Amino acid sequence: MNKERLAQAASFGCQTIDLSETDDVRGAIEQLLGVPEVDAAVDCVGFEARGHGADGSQGEAPATVLNTVMDITRSAGKLGSPACM
């Protein structure tokens, strides 16, 4: 949701999804990849997470990122959460 961070990621080849514009992460991934899931995902936000989309400004939602990571990762895919270490 941070425009500068999205621009930085795009500067070295990452495809980004601005979560201030959508709450349909699976749909956004499908538009980028042609499938609604990824092989691996990492939660790098942890307990500082907020909801995304139109309601994203309403306080912390610590399970949001982890739940989304689990939702968008294929079966037997890899999940990472360094924030929990």
Protein backbone atom coordinates (compact mmCIF):
# COMPACT_ATOMS: atom_id res chain seq x y z
CA MET A 1 0.00 0.00 0.00
CA ASN A 2 3.09 2.21 0.11
CA LYS A 3 3.58 3.78 -3.33
CA GLU A 4 7.34 4.29 -2.81
CA ARG A 5 7.89 0.65 -1.78
CA LEU A 6 5.82 -0.59 -4.72
CA ALA A 7 7.89 1.58 -7.08
CA GLN A 8 11.13 0.28 -5.56
CA ALA A 9 10.00 -3.34 -6.01
CA ALA A 10 8.96 -2.64 -9.60
CA SER A 11 12.36 -1.01 -10.27
CA PHE A 12 14.10 -4.39 -10.06
CA GLY A 13 11.48 -6.43 -11.88
CA CYS A 14 8.84 -7.36 -9.31
CA GLN A 15 5.20 -7.30 -10.30
CA THR A 16 3.25 -5.58 -7.56
CA ILE A 17 -0.31 -5.49 -6.27
CA ASP A 18 -1.43 -2.29 -4.55
CA LEU A 19 -3.66 -3.49 -1.73
CA SER A 20 -5.05 -0.01 -1.23
CA GLU A 21 -6.84 -0.52 -4.55
CA THR A 22 -8.19 -4.07 -4.19
CA ASP A 23 -9.06 -6.66 -1.57
CA ASP A 24 -9.19 -9.44 -4.18
CA VAL A 25 -5.62 -10.71 -3.91
CA ARG A 26 -6.37 -14.00 -5.69
CA GLY A 27 -7.96 -12.10 -8.60
CA ALA A 28 -5.01 -9.71 -8.81
CA ILE A 29 -2.57 -12.63 -8.85
CA GLU A 30 -4.61 -14.34 -11.55
CA GLN A 31 -4.42 -11.20 -13.69
CA LEU A 32 -0.62 -11.21 -13.35
CA LEU A 33 0.10 -14.95 -13.61
CA GLY A 34 -2.92 -16.52 -15.27
CA VAL A 35 -3.59 -18.60 -12.12
CA PRO A 36 -4.94 -17.39 -8.75
CA GLU A 37 -2.13 -18.82 -6.64
CA VAL A 38 1.63 -18.75 -6.12
CA ASP A 39 4.21 -21.42 -5.34
CA ALA A 40 5.55 -19.58 -2.30
CA ALA A 41 4.63 -16.55 -0.20
CA VAL A 42 6.20 -14.72 2.74
CA ASP A 43 4.48 -12.67 5.46
CA CYS A 44 6.90 -9.81 6.11
CA VAL A 45 4.37 -7.61 7.90
CA GLY A 46 3.26 -9.63 10.91
CA PHE A 47 1.42 -7.87 13.71
CA GLU A 48 1.66 -4.46 12.01
CA ALA A 49 -0.71 -5.69 9.29
CA ARG A 50 -3.87 -3.77 8.48
CA GLY A 51 -6.87 -4.77 6.48
CA HIS A 52 -6.61 -3.99 2.76
CA GLY A 53 -8.92 -2.66 0.08
CA ALA A 54 -11.55 -0.04 0.86
CA ASP A 55 -11.59 -0.90 4.60
CA GLY A 56 -7.80 -1.04 4.96
CA SER A 57 -7.46 1.99 7.15
CA GLN A 58 -9.35 0.50 10.07
CA GLY A 59 -6.68 -0.44 12.59
CA GLU A 60 -4.41 -3.42 12.90
CA ALA A 61 -5.47 -6.85 11.71
CA PRO A 62 -2.51 -9.13 12.57
CA ALA A 63 -3.96 -12.29 11.02
CA THR A 64 -4.75 -10.58 7.69
CA VAL A 65 -1.42 -11.21 5.99
CA LEU A 66 -0.97 -14.76 7.27
CA ASN A 67 -4.52 -15.70 6.25
CA THR A 68 -3.99 -14.17 2.80
CA VAL A 69 -0.64 -15.95 2.39
CA MET A 70 -2.31 -19.27 3.18
CA ASP A 71 -5.18 -18.49 0.79
CA ILE A 72 -2.99 -17.60 -2.21
CA THR A 73 -0.35 -20.34 -1.89
CA ARG A 74 -0.92 -23.58 -3.79
CA SER A 75 -1.27 -26.88 -1.95
CA ALA A 76 2.16 -28.09 -0.84
CA GLY A 77 3.54 -24.60 -1.53
CA LYS A 78 5.99 -22.84 0.77
CA LEU A 79 5.00 -20.29 3.42
CA GLY A 80 7.38 -18.01 5.24
CA SER A 81 6.81 -15.82 8.26
CA PRO A 82 10.00 -14.32 9.65
CA ALA A 83 7.90 -11.98 11.81
CA CYS A 84 7.00 -14.97 14.00
CA MET A 85 10.60 -15.84 14.77
